[in-house]
Amino acid sequence: MRIGIGTYALFWEFEARNPSPLSIAEMIDRAAELDCEVFQICDDPRLEELDDDELRALRDQAELLGVELELGTRTVGREHLARFVRRAELLGARTLRSMIQSEEIAAGVPTVADELAASVPSLEAAGVTLALETYEQIPTATLLEVIDLVGSPRIGVCLDPANCVSALEHPRQVVEACATRTANLHVKDFAFARQEGWVGFTYSGAPLGEGLLDLDHELTSVYGADGGAVSGASSAPSAIVEHWLPWQGDLPATLALERAWTDRTLAALRDWRATHRPSAR
């Protein structure tokens, strides 16, 4: 299991309210400072402004620091994915996360599967695995149906059970349904809290271990009791730390809590890995 952070673990570091946002290069530096093996550049529009030389420079920086890069985007149109597969190649990224959009799945499972199948040759040629994320716009069963219909080992699941709760899917069931097809794992805790006046709930992030995520169940389902991969993939999926951290009233307080949540989650992942290696059993 390779452990890292993604853009969504640094959300308030580059959100519009931050007057000194981290650049992508500075995010890679932050991942290295945290002793991460992986940094996932996910849904960052600034990436599309970079030319080939600038993308290669990020790859060189990451390689020098010993950080593996991954890439994230949205939609599964063949032209869009072709552009991002090329960017993944330039970055040296072997994992490309994307999301089937609601308007895409509205055309039907066979149509989406055909569109994805058109991208399989470029994924194979580049050595890139496409990980399609679980989230509320697409029922998990439908997502798996698409993946099974394409039938390529280059297309799997980006597992994030927190995303599916608002569609009334139980996180444990999502994990168990997707574990053997997981190519990428997002790790964040989540919880419900009563709104003021007891009129409804807020569904948001939580410090790891204080919310509803059963981390041991999630990791054991994906990596097995000995810390390997149950998917049969050539390498175990990376575990990428993310957060749903609400604004805390001011930037310093928000950044401090975001960083504390990251430290806490990284420590938990490393503890689990250390105790689930074959030599530890």
C-alpha atoms as a PDB file:
ATOM      1  CA  MET A   1       0.000   0.000   0.000  1.00  0.00           C
ATOM      2  CA  ARG A   2       1.444   3.337  -1.096  1.00  0.00           C
ATOM      3  CA  ILE A   3       0.223   6.201   1.075  1.00  0.00           C
ATOM      4  CA  GLY A   4      -0.227   9.791  -0.051  1.00  0.00           C
ATOM      5  CA  ILE A   5      -2.328  12.895  -0.145  1.00  0.00           C
ATOM      6  CA  GLY A   6      -4.374  14.492  -2.886  1.00  0.00           C
ATOM      7  CA  THR A   7      -5.473  17.967  -3.814  1.00  0.00           C
ATOM      8  CA  TYR A   8      -8.545  17.622  -1.591  1.00  0.00           C
ATOM      9  CA  ALA A   9      -6.304  17.226   1.469  1.00  0.00           C
ATOM     10  CA  LEU A  10      -4.951  20.688   0.619  1.00  0.00           C
ATOM     11  CA  PHE A  11      -8.253  22.286  -0.361  1.00  0.00           C
ATOM     12  CA  TRP A  12      -7.953  25.366   1.841  1.00  0.00           C
ATOM     13  CA  GLU A  13      -4.309  25.782   0.854  1.00  0.00           C
ATOM     14  CA  PHE A  14      -5.342  26.911  -2.622  1.00  0.00           C
ATOM     15  CA  GLU A  15      -9.037  27.839  -2.342  1.00  0.00           C
ATOM     16  CA  ALA A  16      -9.995  31.356  -3.491  1.00  0.00           C
ATOM     17  CA  ARG A  17     -10.110  32.692   0.077  1.00  0.00           C
ATOM     18  CA  ASN A  18      -6.408  31.941   0.505  1.00  0.00           C
ATOM     19  CA  PRO A  19      -4.359  35.004  -0.575  1.00  0.00           C
ATOM     20  CA  SER A  20      -1.204  32.877  -0.940  1.00  0.00           C
ATOM     21  CA  PRO A  21      -2.383  29.627  -2.562  1.00  0.00           C
ATOM     22  CA  LEU A  22      -0.003  26.726  -2.990  1.00  0.00           C
ATOM     23  CA  SER A  23       1.073  26.054  -6.553  1.00  0.00           C
ATOM     24  CA  ILE A  24       1.017  22.485  -7.851  1.00  0.00           C
ATOM     25  CA  ALA A  25       4.791  22.351  -7.421  1.00  0.00           C
ATOM     26  CA  GLU A  26       4.429  23.498  -3.809  1.00  0.00           C
ATOM     27  CA  MET A  27       1.801  20.819  -3.214  1.00  0.00           C
ATOM     28  CA  ILE A  28       4.284  18.192  -4.388  1.00  0.00           C
ATOM     29  CA  ASP A  29       6.815  19.687  -1.969  1.00  0.00           C
ATOM     30  CA  ARG A  30       4.222  19.433   0.827  1.00  0.00           C
ATOM     31  CA  ALA A  31       3.610  15.767   0.024  1.00  0.00           C
ATOM     32  CA  ALA A  32       7.342  15.126   0.234  1.00  0.00           C
ATOM     33  CA  GLU A  33       7.590  17.025   3.538  1.00  0.00           C
ATOM     34  CA  LEU A  34       4.895  14.706   4.897  1.00  0.00           C
ATOM     35  CA  ASP A  35       6.887  11.637   3.739  1.00  0.00           C
ATOM     36  CA  CYS A  36       4.145  10.658   1.297  1.00  0.00           C
ATOM     37  CA  GLU A  37       4.887   8.184  -1.459  1.00  0.00           C
ATOM     38  CA  VAL A  38       2.132   9.594  -3.690  1.00  0.00           C
ATOM     39  CA  PHE A  39       0.548  12.925  -4.551  1.00  0.00           C
ATOM     40  CA  GLN A  40      -2.680  12.947  -6.578  1.00  0.00           C
ATOM     41  CA  ILE A  41      -3.293  16.126  -8.604  1.00  0.00           C
ATOM     42  CA  CYS A  42      -7.068  15.954  -8.684  1.00  0.00           C
ATOM     43  CA  ASP A  43      -9.528  18.352 -10.353  1.00  0.00           C
ATOM     44  CA  ASP A  44      -7.011  21.196 -10.348  1.00  0.00           C
ATOM     45  CA  PRO A  45      -7.880  23.472 -13.293  1.00  0.00           C
ATOM     46  CA  ARG A  46      -4.400  24.989 -13.232  1.00  0.00           C
ATOM     47  CA  LEU A  47      -3.018  21.757 -14.644  1.00  0.00           C
ATOM     48  CA  GLU A  48      -4.696  22.420 -17.991  1.00  0.00           C
ATOM     49  CA  GLU A  49      -2.794  25.694 -18.296  1.00  0.00           C
ATOM     50  CA  LEU A  50       0.582  23.925 -18.234  1.00  0.00           C
ATOM     51  CA  ASP A  51       2.457  23.034 -21.406  1.00  0.00           C
ATOM     52  CA  ASP A  52       4.381  19.816 -21.997  1.00  0.00           C
ATOM     53  CA  ASP A  53       7.667  21.180 -20.641  1.00  0.00           C
ATOM     54  CA  GLU A  54       5.976  22.394 -17.466  1.00  0.00           C
ATOM     55  CA  LEU A  55       4.354  19.004 -16.937  1.00  0.00           C
ATOM     56  CA  ARG A  56       7.707  17.290 -17.434  1.00  0.00           C
ATOM     57  CA  ALA A  57       9.213  19.685 -14.892  1.00  0.00           C
ATOM     58  CA  LEU A  58       6.631  18.574 -12.309  1.00  0.00           C
ATOM     59  CA  ARG A  59       7.503  14.964 -13.079  1.00  0.00           C
ATOM     60  CA  ASP A  60      11.216  15.670 -12.622  1.00  0.00           C
ATOM     61  CA  GLN A  61      10.530  17.457  -9.343  1.00  0.00           C
ATOM     62  CA  ALA A  62       8.412  14.592  -8.035  1.00  0.00           C
ATOM     63  CA  GLU A  63      10.976  11.967  -9.067  1.00  0.00           C
ATOM     64  CA  LEU A  64      13.746  13.893  -7.336  1.00  0.00           C
ATOM     65  CA  LEU A  65      11.657  14.002  -4.151  1.00  0.00           C
ATOM     66  CA  GLY A  66      10.639  10.345  -4.389  1.00  0.00           C
ATOM     67  CA  VAL A  67       6.945  11.156  -4.832  1.00  0.00           C
ATOM     68  CA  GLU A  68       4.835   9.285  -7.362  1.00  0.00           C
ATOM     69  CA  LEU A  69       2.281  11.444  -9.148  1.00  0.00           C
ATOM     70  CA  GLU A  70      -1.297  10.509  -9.937  1.00  0.00           C
ATOM     71  CA  LEU A  71      -3.816  12.522 -11.904  1.00  0.00           C
ATOM     72  CA  GLY A  72      -7.521  13.207 -11.510  1.00  0.00           C
ATOM     73  CA  THR A  73     -10.188  14.629 -13.806  1.00  0.00           C
ATOM     74  CA  ARG A  74     -13.919  14.281 -14.520  1.00  0.00           C
ATOM     75  CA  THR A  75     -15.982  12.886 -17.404  1.00  0.00           C
ATOM     76  CA  VAL A  76     -15.201   9.878 -19.602  1.00  0.00           C
ATOM     77  CA  GLY A  77     -15.488  11.245 -23.146  1.00  0.00           C
ATOM     78  CA  ARG A  78     -12.816   9.731 -25.354  1.00  0.00           C
ATOM     79  CA  GLU A  79     -11.353  13.067 -26.473  1.00  0.00           C
ATOM     80  CA  HIS A  80     -11.162  14.356 -22.914  1.00  0.00           C
ATOM     81  CA  LEU A  81      -9.577  11.172 -21.629  1.00  0.00           C
ATOM     82  CA  ALA A  82      -7.087  11.173 -24.499  1.00  0.00           C
ATOM     83  CA  ARG A  83      -5.838  14.591 -23.375  1.00  0.00           C
ATOM     84  CA  PHE A  84      -5.506  13.440 -19.782  1.00  0.00           C
ATOM     85  CA  VAL A  85      -3.825  10.164 -20.663  1.00  0.00           C
ATOM     86  CA  ARG A  86      -1.196  12.229 -22.459  1.00  0.00           C
ATOM     87  CA  ARG A  87      -0.858  14.493 -19.409  1.00  0.00           C
ATOM     88  CA  ALA A  88      -0.534  11.411 -17.229  1.00  0.00           C
ATOM     89  CA  GLU A  89       2.288  10.173 -19.447  1.00  0.00           C
ATOM     90  CA  LEU A  90       4.098  13.499 -19.222  1.00  0.00           C
ATOM     91  CA  LEU A  91       3.727  13.459 -15.434  1.00  0.00           C
ATOM     92  CA  GLY A  92       4.750   9.826 -15.131  1.00  0.00           C
ATOM     93  CA  ALA A  93       1.355   9.065 -13.562  1.00  0.00           C
ATOM     94  CA  ARG A  94       0.161   5.466 -13.741  1.00  0.00           C
ATOM     95  CA  THR A  95      -3.269   6.172 -12.226  1.00  0.00           C
ATOM     96  CA  LEU A  96      -5.877   8.481 -13.715  1.00  0.00           C
ATOM     97  CA  ARG A  97      -9.001   9.030 -11.631  1.00  0.00           C
ATOM     98  CA  SER A  98     -12.190  10.204 -13.314  1.00  0.00           C
ATOM     99  CA  MET A  99     -15.938  10.322 -12.696  1.00  0.00           C
ATOM    100  CA  ILE A 100     -18.833   9.362 -14.927  1.00  0.00           C
ATOM    101  CA  GLN A 101     -21.110  12.397 -15.034  1.00  0.00           C
ATOM    102  CA  SER A 102     -24.891  12.166 -14.606  1.00  0.00           C
ATOM    103  CA  GLU A 103     -25.513  13.400 -18.137  1.00  0.00           C
ATOM    104  CA  GLU A 104     -23.201  10.696 -19.470  1.00  0.00           C
ATOM    105  CA  ILE A 105     -24.891   7.823 -17.657  1.00  0.00           C
ATOM    106  CA  ALA A 106     -28.284   9.195 -18.772  1.00  0.00           C
ATOM    107  CA  ALA A 107     -27.384   7.927 -22.245  1.00  0.00           C
ATOM    108  CA  GLY A 108     -27.312   4.396 -20.861  1.00  0.00           C
ATOM    109  CA  VAL A 109     -24.752   1.894 -19.611  1.00  0.00           C
ATOM    110  CA  PRO A 110     -23.875   0.507 -23.084  1.00  0.00           C
ATOM    111  CA  THR A 111     -23.184   3.999 -24.447  1.00  0.00           C
ATOM    112  CA  VAL A 112     -20.848   4.865 -21.565  1.00  0.00           C
ATOM    113  CA  ALA A 113     -19.140   1.486 -21.832  1.00  0.00           C
ATOM    114  CA  ASP A 114     -18.563   2.009 -25.558  1.00  0.00           C
ATOM    115  CA  GLU A 115     -17.075   5.442 -24.888  1.00  0.00           C
ATOM    116  CA  LEU A 116     -14.744   4.002 -22.271  1.00  0.00           C
ATOM    117  CA  ALA A 117     -13.786   1.074 -24.492  1.00  0.00           C
ATOM    118  CA  ALA A 118     -12.538   3.577 -27.062  1.00  0.00           C
ATOM    119  CA  SER A 119      -9.976   4.788 -24.500  1.00  0.00           C
ATOM    120  CA  VAL A 120      -8.653   1.348 -23.574  1.00  0.00           C
ATOM    121  CA  PRO A 121      -5.962   1.193 -26.319  1.00  0.00           C
ATOM    122  CA  SER A 122      -4.454   4.525 -25.238  1.00  0.00           C
ATOM    123  CA  LEU A 123      -4.574   3.481 -21.576  1.00  0.00           C
ATOM    124  CA  GLU A 124      -2.812   0.234 -22.410  1.00  0.00           C
ATOM    125  CA  ALA A 125      -0.187   1.956 -24.546  1.00  0.00           C
ATOM    126  CA  ALA A 126       0.551   4.492 -21.809  1.00  0.00           C
ATOM    127  CA  GLY A 127       0.485   1.974 -18.962  1.00  0.00           C
ATOM    128  CA  VAL A 128      -2.200   4.039 -17.210  1.00  0.00           C
ATOM    129  CA  THR A 129      -5.084   2.638 -15.158  1.00  0.00           C
ATOM    130  CA  LEU A 130      -8.347   4.593 -15.168  1.00  0.00           C
ATOM    131  CA  ALA A 131     -10.065   4.597 -11.763  1.00  0.00           C
ATOM    132  CA  LEU A 132     -13.736   5.621 -11.868  1.00  0.00           C
ATOM    133  CA  GLU A 133     -14.919   7.128  -8.602  1.00  0.00           C
ATOM    134  CA  THR A 134     -17.909   6.038  -6.575  1.00  0.00           C
ATOM    135  CA  TYR A 135     -20.190   8.982  -5.881  1.00  0.00           C
ATOM    136  CA  GLU A 136     -23.806   9.944  -5.464  1.00  0.00           C
ATOM    137  CA  GLN A 137     -24.683  10.715  -9.101  1.00  0.00           C
ATOM    138  CA  ILE A 138     -24.084   7.123 -10.200  1.00  0.00           C
ATOM    139  CA  PRO A 139     -25.367   4.110  -8.236  1.00  0.00           C
ATOM    140  CA  THR A 140     -22.465   1.854  -7.342  1.00  0.00           C
ATOM    141  CA  ALA A 141     -24.140  -1.106  -9.023  1.00  0.00           C
ATOM    142  CA  THR A 142     -24.386   0.909 -12.247  1.00  0.00           C
ATOM    143  CA  LEU A 143     -20.753   1.949 -12.051  1.00  0.00           C
ATOM    144  CA  LEU A 144     -19.693  -1.672 -11.644  1.00  0.00           C
ATOM    145  CA  GLU A 145     -21.960  -2.690 -14.515  1.00  0.00           C
ATOM    146  CA  VAL A 146     -20.154  -0.221 -16.782  1.00  0.00           C
ATOM    147  CA  ILE A 147     -16.737  -1.448 -15.692  1.00  0.00           C
ATOM    148  CA  ASP A 148     -17.702  -5.098 -16.156  1.00  0.00           C
ATOM    149  CA  LEU A 149     -19.151  -4.393 -19.594  1.00  0.00           C
ATOM    150  CA  VAL A 150     -15.895  -2.793 -20.747  1.00  0.00           C
ATOM    151  CA  GLY A 151     -14.011  -5.731 -19.283  1.00  0.00           C
ATOM    152  CA  SER A 152     -10.532  -4.206 -19.273  1.00  0.00           C
ATOM    153  CA  PRO A 153      -8.020  -4.562 -16.429  1.00  0.00           C
ATOM    154  CA  ARG A 154      -7.052  -0.971 -17.246  1.00  0.00           C
ATOM    155  CA  ILE A 155     -10.387   0.315 -15.871  1.00  0.00           C
ATOM    156  CA  GLY A 156     -11.295  -0.076 -12.215  1.00  0.00           C
ATOM    157  CA  VAL A 157     -12.837   1.760  -9.269  1.00  0.00           C
ATOM    158  CA  CYS A 158     -11.688   4.775  -7.317  1.00  0.00           C
ATOM    159  CA  LEU A 159     -13.301   3.780  -4.033  1.00  0.00           C
ATOM    160  CA  ASP A 160     -14.666   6.574  -1.854  1.00  0.00           C
ATOM    161  CA  PRO A 161     -17.594   5.286   0.226  1.00  0.00           C
ATOM    162  CA  ALA A 162     -18.244   8.685   1.802  1.00  0.00           C
ATOM    163  CA  ASN A 163     -19.505  10.018  -1.522  1.00  0.00           C
ATOM    164  CA  CYS A 164     -22.331   7.495  -1.755  1.00  0.00           C
ATOM    165  CA  VAL A 165     -24.090   8.124   1.542  1.00  0.00           C
ATOM    166  CA  SER A 166     -26.231  10.951   0.160  1.00  0.00           C
ATOM    167  CA  ALA A 167     -27.611   8.459  -2.375  1.00  0.00           C
ATOM    168  CA  LEU A 168     -28.636   6.248   0.576  1.00  0.00           C
ATOM    169  CA  GLU A 169     -25.932   3.681  -0.059  1.00  0.00           C
ATOM    170  CA  HIS A 170     -24.289   2.190   3.010  1.00  0.00           C
ATOM    171  CA  PRO A 171     -20.515   2.752   3.075  1.00  0.00           C
ATOM    172  CA  ARG A 172     -19.778  -0.801   4.191  1.00  0.00           C
ATOM    173  CA  GLN A 173     -21.781  -2.250   1.302  1.00  0.00           C
ATOM    174  CA  VAL A 174     -20.070   0.062  -1.189  1.00  0.00           C
ATOM    175  CA  VAL A 175     -16.664  -1.038   0.078  1.00  0.00           C
ATOM    176  CA  GLU A 176     -17.537  -4.720  -0.151  1.00  0.00           C
ATOM    177  CA  ALA A 177     -19.020  -4.374  -3.631  1.00  0.00           C
ATOM    178  CA  CYS A 178     -15.989  -2.538  -5.003  1.00  0.00           C
ATOM    179  CA  ALA A 179     -13.035  -4.009  -3.122  1.00  0.00           C
ATOM    180  CA  THR A 180     -11.912  -6.490  -5.774  1.00  0.00           C
ATOM    181  CA  ARG A 181     -12.126  -3.862  -8.528  1.00  0.00           C
ATOM    182  CA  THR A 182     -10.458  -1.035  -6.613  1.00  0.00           C
ATOM    183  CA  ALA A 183      -7.594   0.656  -8.449  1.00  0.00           C
ATOM    184  CA  ASN A 184      -7.403   3.745  -6.226  1.00  0.00           C
ATOM    185  CA  LEU A 185      -8.622   4.483  -2.701  1.00  0.00           C
ATOM    186  CA  HIS A 186      -9.683   7.811  -1.222  1.00  0.00           C
ATOM    187  CA  VAL A 187      -9.601   7.899   2.572  1.00  0.00           C
ATOM    188  CA  LYS A 188     -11.664  10.416   4.517  1.00  0.00           C
ATOM    189  CA  ASP A 189     -13.907  10.196   7.542  1.00  0.00           C
ATOM    190  CA  PHE A 190     -17.425  11.635   7.592  1.00  0.00           C
ATOM    191  CA  ALA A 191     -20.303  12.220   9.964  1.00  0.00           C
ATOM    192  CA  PHE A 192     -23.774  13.656  10.415  1.00  0.00           C
ATOM    193  CA  ALA A 193     -24.329  16.515  12.848  1.00  0.00           C
ATOM    194  CA  ARG A 194     -27.636  18.045  13.933  1.00  0.00           C
ATOM    195  CA  GLN A 195     -28.361  21.483  12.541  1.00  0.00           C
ATOM    196  CA  GLU A 196     -29.043  24.252  15.018  1.00  0.00           C
ATOM    197  CA  GLY A 197     -32.580  23.951  16.338  1.00  0.00           C
ATOM    198  CA  TRP A 198     -32.625  20.251  15.485  1.00  0.00           C
ATOM    199  CA  VAL A 199     -33.980  20.931  11.999  1.00  0.00           C
ATOM    200  CA  GLY A 200     -32.123  18.425   9.882  1.00  0.00           C
ATOM    201  CA  PHE A 201     -28.511  17.373   9.642  1.00  0.00           C
ATOM    202  CA  THR A 202     -25.234  18.494   8.111  1.00  0.00           C
ATOM    203  CA  TYR A 203     -23.240  15.742   6.397  1.00  0.00           C
ATOM    204  CA  SER A 204     -19.594  16.680   6.415  1.00  0.00           C
ATOM    205  CA  GLY A 205     -16.052  15.624   7.148  1.00  0.00           C
ATOM    206  CA  ALA A 206     -14.799  14.443  10.503  1.00  0.00           C
ATOM    207  CA  PRO A 207     -11.417  13.798  12.088  1.00  0.00           C
ATOM    208  CA  LEU A 208     -10.398  10.250  11.280  1.00  0.00           C
ATOM    209  CA  GLY A 209     -11.757   7.870  13.890  1.00  0.00           C
ATOM    210  CA  GLU A 210     -14.497  10.216  15.069  1.00  0.00           C
ATOM    211  CA  GLY A 211     -16.891   9.700  12.171  1.00  0.00           C
ATOM    212  CA  LEU A 212     -18.665   6.811  10.479  1.00  0.00           C
ATOM    213  CA  LEU A 213     -15.804   5.389   8.418  1.00  0.00           C
ATOM    214  CA  ASP A 214     -14.771   1.891   9.467  1.00  0.00           C
ATOM    215  CA  LEU A 215     -11.151   2.281   8.387  1.00  0.00           C
ATOM    216  CA  ASP A 216     -10.047  -1.230   9.270  1.00  0.00           C
ATOM    217  CA  HIS A 217     -12.924  -2.722   7.288  1.00  0.00           C
ATOM    218  CA  GLU A 218     -12.165  -0.494   4.312  1.00  0.00           C
ATOM    219  CA  LEU A 219      -8.444  -1.263   4.271  1.00  0.00           C
ATOM    220  CA  THR A 220      -8.818  -4.983   4.963  1.00  0.00           C
ATOM    221  CA  SER A 221     -11.417  -5.266   2.202  1.00  0.00           C
ATOM    222  CA  VAL A 222      -9.158  -3.573  -0.344  1.00  0.00           C
ATOM    223  CA  TYR A 223      -5.712  -4.773   0.736  1.00  0.00           C
ATOM    224  CA  GLY A 224      -6.448  -8.031   2.518  1.00  0.00           C
ATOM    225  CA  ALA A 225      -5.435  -9.035   6.013  1.00  0.00           C
ATOM    226  CA  ASP A 226      -1.775  -9.201   5.007  1.00  0.00           C
ATOM    227  CA  GLY A 227      -1.695  -5.723   3.445  1.00  0.00           C
ATOM    228  CA  GLY A 228      -1.520  -6.878  -0.172  1.00  0.00           C
ATOM    229  CA  ALA A 229      -4.168  -6.219  -2.816  1.00  0.00           C
ATOM    230  CA  VAL A 230      -7.274  -8.359  -3.200  1.00  0.00           C
ATOM    231  CA  SER A 231      -7.950  -7.024  -6.702  1.00  0.00           C
ATOM    232  CA  GLY A 232      -5.275  -9.108  -8.393  1.00  0.00           C
ATOM    233  CA  ALA A 233      -3.699  -5.960  -9.814  1.00  0.00           C
ATOM    234  CA  SER A 234       0.044  -5.904 -10.420  1.00  0.00           C
ATOM    235  CA  SER A 235       0.441  -3.358  -7.619  1.00  0.00           C
ATOM    236  CA  ALA A 236      -1.744  -2.488  -4.654  1.00  0.00           C
ATOM    237  CA  PRO A 237      -3.903   0.626  -5.044  1.00  0.00           C
ATOM    238  CA  SER A 238      -2.598   3.797  -3.462  1.00  0.00           C
ATOM    239  CA  ALA A 239      -4.430   5.176  -0.438  1.00  0.00           C
ATOM    240  CA  ILE A 240      -4.985   8.911  -0.907  1.00  0.00           C
ATOM    241  CA  VAL A 241      -5.943  11.147   2.026  1.00  0.00           C
ATOM    242  CA  GLU A 242      -8.770  13.626   1.425  1.00  0.00           C
ATOM    243  CA  HIS A 243     -11.010  15.751   3.641  1.00  0.00           C
ATOM    244  CA  TRP A 244     -14.410  17.405   3.708  1.00  0.00           C
ATOM    245  CA  LEU A 245     -13.373  20.117   6.124  1.00  0.00           C
ATOM    246  CA  PRO A 246     -15.851  22.992   6.567  1.00  0.00           C
ATOM    247  CA  TRP A 247     -14.626  26.573   6.796  1.00  0.00           C
ATOM    248  CA  GLN A 248     -13.665  27.299  10.403  1.00  0.00           C
ATOM    249  CA  GLY A 249     -14.375  31.043  10.421  1.00  0.00           C
ATOM    250  CA  ASP A 250     -10.947  32.251   9.388  1.00  0.00           C
ATOM    251  CA  LEU A 251      -8.071  31.000   7.274  1.00  0.00           C
ATOM    252  CA  PRO A 252      -5.465  30.308  10.006  1.00  0.00           C
ATOM    253  CA  ALA A 253      -7.883  28.160  12.012  1.00  0.00           C
ATOM    254  CA  THR A 254      -9.041  26.315   8.896  1.00  0.00           C
ATOM    255  CA  LEU A 255      -5.510  25.602   7.681  1.00  0.00           C
ATOM    256  CA  ALA A 256      -4.400  24.457  11.122  1.00  0.00           C
ATOM    257  CA  LEU A 257      -7.271  21.981  11.369  1.00  0.00           C
ATOM    258  CA  GLU A 258      -6.800  20.758   7.794  1.00  0.00           C
ATOM    259  CA  ARG A 259      -3.143  20.028   8.486  1.00  0.00           C
ATOM    260  CA  ALA A 260      -3.994  18.300  11.765  1.00  0.00           C
ATOM    261  CA  TRP A 261      -6.552  16.087  10.021  1.00  0.00           C
ATOM    262  CA  THR A 262      -3.955  15.183   7.389  1.00  0.00           C
ATOM    263  CA  ASP A 263      -1.353  14.255  10.006  1.00  0.00           C
ATOM    264  CA  ARG A 264      -3.902  12.153  11.860  1.00  0.00           C
ATOM    265  CA  THR A 265      -5.032  10.253   8.771  1.00  0.00           C
ATOM    266  CA  LEU A 266      -1.518   9.625   7.498  1.00  0.00           C
ATOM    267  CA  ALA A 267      -0.510   8.294  10.914  1.00  0.00           C
ATOM    268  CA  ALA A 268      -3.488   5.927  10.994  1.00  0.00           C
ATOM    269  CA  LEU A 269      -2.736   4.591   7.519  1.00  0.00           C
ATOM    270  CA  ARG A 270       0.913   4.044   8.385  1.00  0.00           C
ATOM    271  CA  ASP A 271       0.007   2.292  11.629  1.00  0.00           C
ATOM    272  CA  TRP A 272      -2.369  -0.030   9.774  1.00  0.00           C
ATOM    273  CA  ARG A 273       0.235  -0.810   7.112  1.00  0.00           C
ATOM    274  CA  ALA A 274       2.887  -1.527   9.725  1.00  0.00           C
ATOM    275  CA  THR A 275       0.671  -4.068  11.471  1.00  0.00           C
ATOM    276  CA  HIS A 276      -0.677  -5.753   8.332  1.00  0.00           C
ATOM    277  CA  ARG A 277       2.499  -6.747   6.574  1.00  0.00           C
ATOM    278  CA  PRO A 278       3.235 -10.467   6.185  1.00  0.00           C
ATOM    279  CA  SER A 279       6.261 -10.073   8.478  1.00  0.00           C
ATOM    280  CA  ALA A 280       4.028  -8.593  11.189  1.00  0.00           C
ATOM    281  CA  ARG A 281       1.740 -11.618  11.336  1.00  0.00           C
END
